[in-house]
N, C-alpha and C. Protein backbone atom coordinates (compact mmCIF):
# COMPACT_ATOMS: atom_id res chain seq x y z
N MET A 1 57.59 18.94 26.18
CA MET A 1 56.47 19.62 25.61
C MET A 1 55.34 18.60 25.55
N SER A 2 54.14 19.05 25.96
CA SER A 2 52.98 18.17 25.87
C SER A 2 51.75 18.98 25.48
N GLN A 3 50.81 18.33 24.87
CA GLN A 3 49.56 18.96 24.42
C GLN A 3 48.41 18.14 24.99
N TYR A 4 47.53 18.81 25.75
CA TYR A 4 46.37 18.13 26.31
C TYR A 4 45.23 19.14 26.44
N GLN A 5 44.08 18.84 25.84
CA GLN A 5 42.89 19.68 25.90
C GLN A 5 43.20 21.14 25.59
N ASN A 6 43.80 21.38 24.46
CA ASN A 6 44.14 22.72 23.98
C ASN A 6 45.04 23.51 24.92
N LYS A 7 45.87 22.82 25.69
CA LYS A 7 46.88 23.47 26.53
C LYS A 7 48.24 22.93 26.14
N LEU A 8 49.14 23.84 25.83
CA LEU A 8 50.51 23.47 25.50
C LEU A 8 51.35 23.70 26.75
N LYS A 9 52.05 22.67 27.21
CA LYS A 9 52.89 22.78 28.40
C LYS A 9 54.34 22.52 28.02
N LEU A 10 55.21 23.42 28.47
CA LEU A 10 56.65 23.25 28.28
C LEU A 10 57.24 22.87 29.62
N SER A 11 57.95 21.76 29.64
CA SER A 11 58.52 21.26 30.88
C SER A 11 60.01 21.04 30.72
N ASN A 12 60.70 21.02 31.85
CA ASN A 12 62.15 20.81 31.87
C ASN A 12 62.44 19.53 32.66
N TYR A 13 63.16 18.61 32.05
CA TYR A 13 63.53 17.37 32.72
C TYR A 13 65.00 17.45 33.13
N ASN A 14 65.26 17.25 34.42
CA ASN A 14 66.62 17.23 34.95
C ASN A 14 67.04 15.78 35.11
N SER A 15 67.96 15.32 34.28
CA SER A 15 68.37 13.91 34.30
C SER A 15 69.19 13.56 35.54
N TYR A 16 69.83 14.54 36.15
CA TYR A 16 70.64 14.27 37.34
C TYR A 16 69.75 13.98 38.56
N SER A 17 68.70 14.78 38.73
CA SER A 17 67.82 14.58 39.89
C SER A 17 66.56 13.80 39.53
N ASN A 18 66.40 13.47 38.25
CA ASN A 18 65.23 12.72 37.77
C ASN A 18 63.93 13.45 38.13
N THR A 19 63.92 14.78 37.90
CA THR A 19 62.73 15.58 38.20
C THR A 19 62.23 16.29 36.95
N LEU A 20 60.95 16.55 36.94
CA LEU A 20 60.30 17.25 35.85
C LEU A 20 59.63 18.49 36.41
N SER A 21 59.98 19.66 35.87
CA SER A 21 59.36 20.90 36.33
C SER A 21 58.65 21.56 35.15
N GLU A 22 57.45 22.04 35.40
CA GLU A 22 56.70 22.72 34.36
C GLU A 22 57.15 24.16 34.28
N ASP A 23 57.62 24.57 33.11
CA ASP A 23 58.13 25.92 32.93
C ASP A 23 57.02 26.90 32.57
N ILE A 24 56.16 26.51 31.63
CA ILE A 24 55.15 27.44 31.14
C ILE A 24 53.98 26.68 30.54
N GLU A 25 52.81 27.30 30.55
CA GLU A 25 51.61 26.71 29.96
C GLU A 25 50.91 27.77 29.14
N ILE A 26 50.48 27.39 27.93
CA ILE A 26 49.75 28.30 27.05
C ILE A 26 48.36 27.70 26.84
N SER A 27 47.33 28.41 27.28
CA SER A 27 45.95 27.92 27.13
C SER A 27 45.40 28.21 25.74
N ASN A 28 44.42 27.42 25.33
CA ASN A 28 43.76 27.56 24.03
C ASN A 28 44.75 27.54 22.88
N CYS A 29 45.75 26.70 23.01
CA CYS A 29 46.84 26.64 22.04
C CYS A 29 46.96 25.23 21.46
N ILE A 30 47.01 25.17 20.15
CA ILE A 30 47.22 23.89 19.46
C ILE A 30 48.59 23.95 18.80
N PHE A 31 49.44 23.03 19.19
CA PHE A 31 50.83 22.96 18.73
C PHE A 31 50.89 22.29 17.37
N HIS A 32 51.70 22.86 16.47
CA HIS A 32 51.89 22.28 15.14
C HIS A 32 53.31 21.76 14.94
N GLU A 33 54.32 22.58 15.27
CA GLU A 33 55.69 22.19 14.99
C GLU A 33 56.64 23.01 15.86
N ALA A 34 57.85 22.46 16.10
CA ALA A 34 58.85 23.17 16.91
C ALA A 34 60.24 22.96 16.34
N ILE A 35 61.10 23.96 16.54
CA ILE A 35 62.51 23.88 16.17
C ILE A 35 63.32 24.43 17.34
N TYR A 36 64.36 23.69 17.72
CA TYR A 36 65.27 24.15 18.76
C TYR A 36 66.55 24.63 18.11
N ASN A 37 66.97 25.86 18.46
CA ASN A 37 68.18 26.42 17.86
C ASN A 37 68.81 27.41 18.84
N ASN A 38 70.08 27.18 19.18
CA ASN A 38 70.87 28.10 20.02
C ASN A 38 70.17 28.49 21.32
N GLY A 39 69.63 27.52 22.03
CA GLY A 39 69.01 27.78 23.32
C GLY A 39 67.61 28.32 23.25
N GLU A 40 67.05 28.38 22.05
CA GLU A 40 65.67 28.87 21.89
C GLU A 40 64.81 27.83 21.20
N LEU A 41 63.59 27.72 21.68
CA LEU A 41 62.60 26.82 21.10
C LEU A 41 61.59 27.67 20.35
N HIS A 42 61.43 27.44 19.06
CA HIS A 42 60.51 28.19 18.22
C HIS A 42 59.29 27.30 17.97
N LEU A 43 58.10 27.81 18.31
CA LEU A 43 56.88 27.01 18.30
C LEU A 43 55.86 27.55 17.32
N ALA A 44 55.45 26.72 16.37
CA ALA A 44 54.37 27.06 15.45
C ALA A 44 53.06 26.57 16.06
N THR A 45 52.11 27.50 16.27
CA THR A 45 50.84 27.15 16.92
C THR A 45 49.68 27.82 16.20
N ASN A 46 48.47 27.47 16.64
CA ASN A 46 47.28 28.11 16.09
C ASN A 46 47.17 29.59 16.52
N LEU A 47 47.91 29.99 17.56
CA LEU A 47 47.90 31.37 18.03
C LEU A 47 48.98 32.22 17.38
N GLY A 48 49.87 31.60 16.64
CA GLY A 48 50.96 32.31 16.00
C GLY A 48 52.28 31.61 16.24
N LEU A 49 53.35 32.38 16.19
CA LEU A 49 54.70 31.85 16.35
C LEU A 49 55.30 32.37 17.65
N TYR A 50 55.73 31.44 18.51
CA TYR A 50 56.34 31.77 19.79
C TYR A 50 57.83 31.45 19.76
N ARG A 51 58.59 32.21 20.55
CA ARG A 51 60.00 31.93 20.77
C ARG A 51 60.19 31.80 22.29
N TYR A 52 60.75 30.67 22.72
CA TYR A 52 60.95 30.42 24.15
C TYR A 52 62.44 30.25 24.41
N ASN A 53 63.00 31.13 25.24
CA ASN A 53 64.41 31.05 25.61
C ASN A 53 64.54 30.06 26.76
N THR A 54 65.23 28.97 26.54
CA THR A 54 65.31 27.91 27.56
C THR A 54 66.23 28.29 28.72
N LEU A 55 67.09 29.28 28.54
CA LEU A 55 67.97 29.71 29.63
C LEU A 55 67.29 30.72 30.55
N THR A 56 66.65 31.73 29.95
CA THR A 56 65.99 32.77 30.75
C THR A 56 64.54 32.43 31.07
N LYS A 57 63.98 31.41 30.41
CA LYS A 57 62.58 30.99 30.59
C LYS A 57 61.59 32.07 30.17
N VAL A 58 61.95 32.85 29.15
CA VAL A 58 61.10 33.93 28.65
C VAL A 58 60.42 33.47 27.37
N LEU A 59 59.09 33.60 27.34
CA LEU A 59 58.30 33.26 26.17
C LEU A 59 57.85 34.55 25.50
N SER A 60 58.10 34.69 24.19
CA SER A 60 57.65 35.87 23.46
C SER A 60 56.89 35.44 22.21
N LEU A 61 55.87 36.20 21.91
CA LEU A 61 55.07 35.97 20.72
C LEU A 61 55.69 36.76 19.58
N VAL A 62 56.21 36.05 18.59
CA VAL A 62 56.92 36.68 17.47
C VAL A 62 55.95 37.14 16.39
N TYR A 63 54.90 36.34 16.13
CA TYR A 63 53.94 36.63 15.07
C TYR A 63 52.57 36.14 15.52
N SER A 64 51.57 37.02 15.48
CA SER A 64 50.25 36.63 15.99
C SER A 64 49.09 36.95 15.06
N GLN A 65 49.38 37.34 13.83
CA GLN A 65 48.30 37.75 12.93
C GLN A 65 47.45 36.57 12.45
N HIS A 66 48.07 35.41 12.28
CA HIS A 66 47.37 34.22 11.80
C HIS A 66 48.02 32.98 12.42
N PRO A 67 47.33 31.83 12.38
CA PRO A 67 47.98 30.59 12.83
C PRO A 67 49.21 30.27 11.98
N VAL A 68 50.18 29.64 12.60
CA VAL A 68 51.41 29.24 11.90
C VAL A 68 51.44 27.71 11.86
N GLN A 69 51.55 27.15 10.67
CA GLN A 69 51.52 25.70 10.50
C GLN A 69 52.91 25.06 10.51
N ASN A 70 53.86 25.68 9.85
CA ASN A 70 55.19 25.09 9.69
C ASN A 70 56.26 26.12 9.96
N ILE A 71 57.43 25.62 10.37
CA ILE A 71 58.58 26.50 10.58
C ILE A 71 59.84 25.72 10.19
N ILE A 72 60.75 26.39 9.49
CA ILE A 72 62.04 25.77 9.15
C ILE A 72 63.14 26.80 9.42
N TYR A 73 64.34 26.29 9.63
CA TYR A 73 65.50 27.16 9.86
C TYR A 73 66.43 27.05 8.67
N GLU A 74 66.71 28.20 8.07
CA GLU A 74 67.62 28.27 6.93
C GLU A 74 68.99 28.66 7.48
N GLU A 75 69.88 27.67 7.61
CA GLU A 75 71.16 27.86 8.28
C GLU A 75 72.09 28.82 7.55
N LEU A 76 72.11 28.77 6.23
CA LEU A 76 73.03 29.63 5.47
C LEU A 76 72.72 31.11 5.66
N ASP A 77 71.44 31.44 5.75
CA ASP A 77 71.03 32.84 5.91
C ASP A 77 70.71 33.20 7.36
N ASP A 78 70.82 32.22 8.26
CA ASP A 78 70.45 32.41 9.67
C ASP A 78 69.05 33.02 9.77
N LEU A 79 68.10 32.36 9.11
CA LEU A 79 66.76 32.88 8.97
C LEU A 79 65.73 31.78 9.24
N PHE A 80 64.68 32.13 9.98
CA PHE A 80 63.57 31.21 10.19
C PHE A 80 62.48 31.56 9.20
N LEU A 81 61.96 30.55 8.52
CA LEU A 81 60.85 30.72 7.59
C LEU A 81 59.64 29.98 8.16
N PHE A 82 58.47 30.60 8.05
CA PHE A 82 57.26 29.93 8.54
C PHE A 82 56.09 30.22 7.62
N SER A 83 55.14 29.30 7.61
CA SER A 83 53.97 29.46 6.76
C SER A 83 52.77 29.80 7.63
N SER A 84 52.03 30.79 7.13
CA SER A 84 50.80 31.23 7.78
C SER A 84 49.77 31.46 6.70
N GLY A 85 48.77 30.59 6.66
CA GLY A 85 47.80 30.67 5.58
C GLY A 85 48.48 30.40 4.26
N ASN A 86 48.36 31.32 3.31
CA ASN A 86 49.02 31.14 2.01
C ASN A 86 50.29 31.99 1.90
N GLN A 87 50.81 32.47 3.04
CA GLN A 87 52.02 33.30 3.03
C GLN A 87 53.21 32.53 3.61
N ILE A 88 54.37 32.85 3.08
CA ILE A 88 55.64 32.38 3.69
C ILE A 88 56.37 33.61 4.17
N LEU A 89 56.65 33.63 5.47
CA LEU A 89 57.27 34.79 6.11
C LEU A 89 58.58 34.38 6.74
N GLY A 90 59.42 35.34 7.10
CA GLY A 90 60.70 35.02 7.71
C GLY A 90 61.07 36.00 8.80
N TYR A 91 61.95 35.57 9.69
CA TYR A 91 62.52 36.44 10.72
C TYR A 91 63.85 35.88 11.17
N GLN A 92 64.67 36.74 11.77
CA GLN A 92 65.97 36.33 12.29
C GLN A 92 65.98 36.37 13.79
């Protein structure tokens, strides 16, 4: 993952072939935080909350009403909590 000039790039590094391939790019996006869990990368950004499946390479926007600053995973409840403005929201 890299951030340059408001572009978030997700890349895949193959250690066997020593190659780097760019999987996806999100323009006008400022990255805040990420959590990897069960093959999915959850990204807190100024555009909202994204979920990226590293196996299928599918990016989905989970929450887009406001920027998301923080994200945590609550293992006991199998729940992701994230902060947006003055709200704390959750999803599974």
